[in-house]
Amino acid sequence: DGAAAIVRGTGDDIALVKRHGAQF
């Protein structure tokens, strides 16, 4: 639904992204 994502970065970096109103 495009409301969230998990991003894998270099090394062991992990980012969580989620919709929060009209922003992220």
PDB file of all heavy atoms in Angstrom:
ATOM      1  N   ASP A   1       0.803  -1.223   0.000  1.00  0.00           N
ATOM      2  CA  ASP A   1       0.000   0.000   0.000  1.00  0.00           C
ATOM      3  C   ASP A   1       0.836   1.274   0.000  1.00  0.00           C
ATOM      4  O   ASP A   1       0.292   2.373  -0.022  1.00  0.00           O
ATOM      5  CB  ASP A   1      -0.954   0.017   1.193  1.00  0.00           C
ATOM      6  CG  ASP A   1      -0.237  -0.054   2.537  1.00  0.00           C
ATOM      7  OD1 ASP A   1       1.014  -0.135   2.555  1.00  0.00           O
ATOM      8  OD2 ASP A   1      -0.926  -0.041   3.564  1.00  0.00           O
ATOM      9  N   GLY A   2       2.163   1.152   0.016  1.00  0.00           N
ATOM     10  CA  GLY A   2       3.039   2.317  -0.013  1.00  0.00           C
ATOM     11  C   GLY A   2       3.103   3.071   1.296  1.00  0.00           C
ATOM     12  O   GLY A   2       3.612   4.187   1.348  1.00  0.00           O
ATOM     13  N   ALA A   3       2.603   2.476   2.371  1.00  0.00           N
ATOM     14  CA  ALA A   3       2.565   3.161   3.662  1.00  0.00           C
ATOM     15  C   ALA A   3       3.818   2.934   4.497  1.00  0.00           C
ATOM     16  O   ALA A   3       4.060   3.676   5.453  1.00  0.00           O
ATOM     17  CB  ALA A   3       1.339   2.711   4.460  1.00  0.00           C
ATOM     18  N   ALA A   4       4.628   1.938   4.163  1.00  0.00           N
ATOM     19  CA  ALA A   4       5.791   1.626   4.982  1.00  0.00           C
ATOM     20  C   ALA A   4       6.856   0.927   4.144  1.00  0.00           C
ATOM     21  O   ALA A   4       6.571   0.386   3.074  1.00  0.00           O
ATOM     22  CB  ALA A   4       5.391   0.732   6.144  1.00  0.00           C
ATOM     23  N   ALA A   5       8.073   0.953   4.666  1.00  0.00           N
ATOM     24  CA  ALA A   5       9.193   0.278   3.993  1.00  0.00           C
ATOM     25  C   ALA A   5      10.277  -0.013   5.012  1.00  0.00           C
ATOM     26  O   ALA A   5      10.363   0.635   6.056  1.00  0.00           O
ATOM     27  CB  ALA A   5       9.754   1.141   2.874  1.00  0.00           C
ATOM     28  N   ILE A   6      11.091  -0.999   4.689  1.00  0.00           N
ATOM     29  CA  ILE A   6      12.303  -1.286   5.443  1.00  0.00           C
ATOM     30  C   ILE A   6      13.455  -1.150   4.470  1.00  0.00           C
ATOM     31  O   ILE A   6      13.428  -1.718   3.384  1.00  0.00           O
ATOM     32  CB  ILE A   6      12.279  -2.697   6.053  1.00  0.00           C
ATOM     33  CG1 ILE A   6      11.155  -2.782   7.075  1.00  0.00           C
ATOM     34  CG2 ILE A   6      13.611  -3.030   6.682  1.00  0.00           C
ATOM     35  CD1 ILE A   6      11.069  -4.103   7.768  1.00  0.00           C
ATOM     36  N   VAL A   7      14.454  -0.362   4.867  1.00  0.00           N
ATOM     37  CA  VAL A   7      15.586  -0.084   3.998  1.00  0.00           C
ATOM     38  C   VAL A   7      16.831  -0.678   4.633  1.00  0.00           C
ATOM     39  O   VAL A   7      17.143  -0.403   5.787  1.00  0.00           O
ATOM     40  CB  VAL A   7      15.763   1.441   3.781  1.00  0.00           C
ATOM     41  CG1 VAL A   7      16.920   1.703   2.831  1.00  0.00           C
ATOM     42  CG2 VAL A   7      14.485   2.062   3.263  1.00  0.00           C
ATOM     43  N   ARG A   8      17.547  -1.463   3.853  1.00  0.00           N
ATOM     44  CA  ARG A   8      18.811  -2.055   4.305  1.00  0.00           C
ATOM     45  C   ARG A   8      19.938  -1.151   3.833  1.00  0.00           C
ATOM     46  O   ARG A   8      20.009  -0.773   2.669  1.00  0.00           O
ATOM     47  CB  ARG A   8      18.972  -3.446   3.708  1.00  0.00           C
ATOM     48  CG  ARG A   8      20.338  -4.065   3.857  1.00  0.00           C
ATOM     49  CD  ARG A   8      20.615  -4.425   5.328  1.00  0.00           C
ATOM     50  NE  ARG A   8      22.005  -4.744   5.523  1.00  0.00           N
ATOM     51  CZ  ARG A   8      22.504  -5.977   5.489  1.00  0.00           C
ATOM     52  NH1 ARG A   8      21.717  -6.993   5.267  1.00  0.00           N
ATOM     53  NH2 ARG A   8      23.785  -6.173   5.677  1.00  0.00           N
ATOM     54  N   GLY A   9      20.798  -0.791   4.762  1.00  0.00           N
ATOM     55  CA  GLY A   9      21.929   0.053   4.436  1.00  0.00           C
ATOM     56  C   GLY A   9      23.222  -0.729   4.466  1.00  0.00           C
ATOM     57  O   GLY A   9      23.246  -1.944   4.689  1.00  0.00           O
ATOM     58  N   THR A  10      24.321  -0.036   4.233  1.00  0.00           N
ATOM     59  CA  THR A  10      25.636  -0.680   4.281  1.00  0.00           C
ATOM     60  C   THR A  10      25.922  -1.122   5.706  1.00  0.00           C
ATOM     61  O   THR A  10      25.428  -0.541   6.668  1.00  0.00           O
ATOM     62  CB  THR A  10      26.723   0.294   3.800  1.00  0.00           C
ATOM     63  OG1 THR A  10      26.668   1.471   4.599  1.00  0.00           O
ATOM     64  CG2 THR A  10      26.529   0.646   2.340  1.00  0.00           C
ATOM     65  N   GLY A  11      26.705  -2.148   5.813  1.00  0.00           N
ATOM     66  CA  GLY A  11      27.005  -2.679   7.134  1.00  0.00           C
ATOM     67  C   GLY A  11      25.773  -3.333   7.711  1.00  0.00           C
ATOM     68  O   GLY A  11      25.106  -4.119   7.073  1.00  0.00           O
ATOM     69  N   ASP A  12      25.466  -2.996   8.942  1.00  0.00           N
ATOM     70  CA  ASP A  12      24.287  -3.547   9.613  1.00  0.00           C
ATOM     71  C   ASP A  12      23.184  -2.514   9.774  1.00  0.00           C
ATOM     72  O   ASP A  12      22.292  -2.686  10.592  1.00  0.00           O
ATOM     73  CB  ASP A  12      24.680  -4.099  10.984  1.00  0.00           C
ATOM     74  CG  ASP A  12      24.628  -5.607  11.034  1.00  0.00           C
ATOM     75  OD1 ASP A  12      24.320  -6.220  10.006  1.00  0.00           O
ATOM     76  OD2 ASP A  12      24.886  -6.171  12.116  1.00  0.00           O
ATOM     77  N   ASP A  13      23.230  -1.430   9.009  1.00  0.00           N
ATOM     78  CA  ASP A  13      22.238  -0.364   9.135  1.00  0.00           C
ATOM     79  C   ASP A  13      20.887  -0.799   8.565  1.00  0.00           C
ATOM     80  O   ASP A  13      20.811  -1.365   7.479  1.00  0.00           O
ATOM     81  CB  ASP A  13      22.689   0.894   8.392  1.00  0.00           C
ATOM     82  CG  ASP A  13      23.897   1.544   9.028  1.00  0.00           C
ATOM     83  OD1 ASP A  13      24.176   1.242  10.211  1.00  0.00           O
ATOM     84  OD2 ASP A  13      24.557   2.352   8.356  1.00  0.00           O
ATOM     85  N   ILE A  14      19.832  -0.539   9.328  1.00  0.00           N
ATOM     86  CA  ILE A  14      18.465  -0.822   8.899  1.00  0.00           C
ATOM     87  C   ILE A  14      17.625   0.387   9.264  1.00  0.00           C
ATOM     88  O   ILE A  14      17.715   0.915  10.366  1.00  0.00           O
ATOM     89  CB  ILE A  14      17.897  -2.083   9.588  1.00  0.00           C
ATOM     90  CG1 ILE A  14      18.770  -3.301   9.270  1.00  0.00           C
ATOM     91  CG2 ILE A  14      16.454  -2.314   9.168  1.00  0.00           C
ATOM     92  CD1 ILE A  14      18.437  -4.516  10.089  1.00  0.00           C
ATOM     93  N   ALA A  15      16.782   0.827   8.327  1.00  0.00           N
ATOM     94  CA  ALA A  15      15.893   1.957   8.574  1.00  0.00           C
ATOM     95  C   ALA A  15      14.446   1.518   8.388  1.00  0.00           C
ATOM     96  O   ALA A  15      14.126   0.789   7.446  1.00  0.00           O
ATOM     97  CB  ALA A  15      16.208   3.102   7.624  1.00  0.00           C
ATOM     98  N   LEU A  16      13.594   1.962   9.292  1.00  0.00           N
ATOM     99  CA  LEU A  16      12.161   1.749   9.166  1.00  0.00           C
ATOM    100  C   LEU A  16      11.533   3.053   8.707  1.00  0.00           C
ATOM    101  O   LEU A  16      11.837   4.114   9.246  1.00  0.00           O
ATOM    102  CB  LEU A  16      11.553   1.338  10.504  1.00  0.00           C
ATOM    103  CG  LEU A  16      12.064   0.049  11.131  1.00  0.00           C
ATOM    104  CD1 LEU A  16      11.388  -0.185  12.473  1.00  0.00           C
ATOM    105  CD2 LEU A  16      11.826  -1.124  10.219  1.00  0.00           C
ATOM    106  N   VAL A  17      10.677   2.967   7.712  1.00  0.00           N
ATOM    107  CA  VAL A  17       9.990   4.142   7.177  1.00  0.00           C
ATOM    108  C   VAL A  17       8.500   3.862   7.245  1.00  0.00           C
ATOM    109  O   VAL A  17       8.044   2.799   6.827  1.00  0.00           O
ATOM    110  CB  VAL A  17      10.382   4.398   5.698  1.00  0.00           C
ATOM    111  CG1 VAL A  17       9.716   5.656   5.179  1.00  0.00           C
ATOM    112  CG2 VAL A  17      11.880   4.443   5.519  1.00  0.00           C
ATOM    113  N   LYS A  18       7.733   4.833   7.796  1.00  0.00           N
ATOM    114  CA  LYS A  18       6.283   4.674   7.788  1.00  0.00           C
ATOM    115  C   LYS A  18       5.616   6.017   7.587  1.00  0.00           C
ATOM    116  O   LYS A  18       6.180   7.063   7.897  1.00  0.00           O
ATOM    117  CB  LYS A  18       5.777   3.998   9.057  1.00  0.00           C
ATOM    118  CG  LYS A  18       5.849   4.825  10.319  1.00  0.00           C
ATOM    119  CD  LYS A  18       5.244   4.034  11.461  1.00  0.00           C
ATOM    120  CE  LYS A  18       5.273   4.811  12.758  1.00  0.00           C
ATOM    121  NZ  LYS A  18       4.644   4.066  13.837  1.00  0.00           N
ATOM    122  N   ARG A  19       4.417   5.946   7.029  1.00  0.00           N
ATOM    123  CA  ARG A  19       3.646   7.159   6.791  1.00  0.00           C
ATOM    124  C   ARG A  19       3.154   7.686   8.129  1.00  0.00           C
ATOM    125  O   ARG A  19       2.688   6.940   8.990  1.00  0.00           O
ATOM    126  CB  ARG A  19       2.473   6.856   5.869  1.00  0.00           C
ATOM    127  CG  ARG A  19       1.649   8.075   5.544  1.00  0.00           C
ATOM    128  CD  ARG A  19       0.570   7.819   4.542  1.00  0.00           C
ATOM    129  NE  ARG A  19      -0.155   6.601   4.822  1.00  0.00           N
ATOM    130  CZ  ARG A  19      -0.631   5.804   3.871  1.00  0.00           C
ATOM    131  NH1 ARG A  19      -0.430   6.079   2.609  1.00  0.00           N
ATOM    132  NH2 ARG A  19      -1.302   4.731   4.184  1.00  0.00           N
ATOM    133  N   HIS A  20       3.261   9.001   8.284  1.00  0.00           N
ATOM    134  CA  HIS A  20       2.772   9.663   9.498  1.00  0.00           C
ATOM    135  C   HIS A  20       2.037  10.918   9.042  1.00  0.00           C
ATOM    136  O   HIS A  20       2.643  11.963   8.834  1.00  0.00           O
ATOM    137  CB  HIS A  20       3.950  10.008  10.417  1.00  0.00           C
ATOM    138  CG  HIS A  20       3.533  10.626  11.712  1.00  0.00           C
ATOM    139  ND1 HIS A  20       2.921   9.906  12.696  1.00  0.00           N
ATOM    140  CD2 HIS A  20       3.635  11.891  12.167  1.00  0.00           C
ATOM    141  CE1 HIS A  20       2.665  10.704  13.711  1.00  0.00           C
ATOM    142  NE2 HIS A  20       3.089  11.914  13.418  1.00  0.00           N
ATOM    143  N   GLY A  21       0.739  10.773   8.798  1.00  0.00           N
ATOM    144  CA  GLY A  21      -0.035  11.883   8.232  1.00  0.00           C
ATOM    145  C   GLY A  21       0.340  12.071   6.780  1.00  0.00           C
ATOM    146  O   GLY A  21       0.306  11.140   5.988  1.00  0.00           O
ATOM    147  N   ALA A  22       0.731  13.290   6.431  1.00  0.00           N
ATOM    148  CA  ALA A  22       1.134  13.585   5.057  1.00  0.00           C
ATOM    149  C   ALA A  22       2.649  13.548   4.905  1.00  0.00           C
ATOM    150  O   ALA A  22       3.173  13.900   3.857  1.00  0.00           O
ATOM    151  CB  ALA A  22       0.600  14.951   4.631  1.00  0.00           C
ATOM    152  N   GLN A  23       3.357  13.115   5.934  1.00  0.00           N
ATOM    153  CA  GLN A  23       4.811  13.052   5.933  1.00  0.00           C
ATOM    154  C   GLN A  23       5.247  11.607   6.190  1.00  0.00           C
ATOM    155  O   GLN A  23       4.424  10.707   6.273  1.00  0.00           O
ATOM    156  CB  GLN A  23       5.391  13.976   7.011  1.00  0.00           C
ATOM    157  CG  GLN A  23       4.988  15.421   6.871  1.00  0.00           C
ATOM    158  CD  GLN A  23       5.587  16.058   5.639  1.00  0.00           C
ATOM    159  OE1 GLN A  23       6.712  15.782   5.274  1.00  0.00           O
ATOM    160  NE2 GLN A  23       4.814  16.906   4.986  1.00  0.00           N
ATOM    161  N   PHE A  24       6.542  11.422   6.347  1.00  0.00           N
ATOM    162  CA  PHE A  24       7.083  10.108   6.670  1.00  0.00           C
ATOM    163  C   PHE A  24       7.909  10.194   7.939  1.00  0.00           C
ATOM    164  O   PHE A  24       8.617  11.182   8.161  1.00  0.00           O
ATOM    165  CB  PHE A  24       7.954   9.574   5.526  1.00  0.00           C
ATOM    166  CG  PHE A  24       7.186   9.362   4.265  1.00  0.00           C
ATOM    167  CD1 PHE A  24       7.241  10.282   3.234  1.00  0.00           C
ATOM    168  CD2 PHE A  24       6.379   8.244   4.115  1.00  0.00           C
ATOM    169  CE1 PHE A  24       6.521  10.096   2.078  1.00  0.00           C
ATOM    170  CE2 PHE A  24       5.655   8.055   2.963  1.00  0.00           C
ATOM    171  CZ  PHE A  24       5.719   8.976   1.943  1.00  0.00           C
TER     172      PHE A  24
END
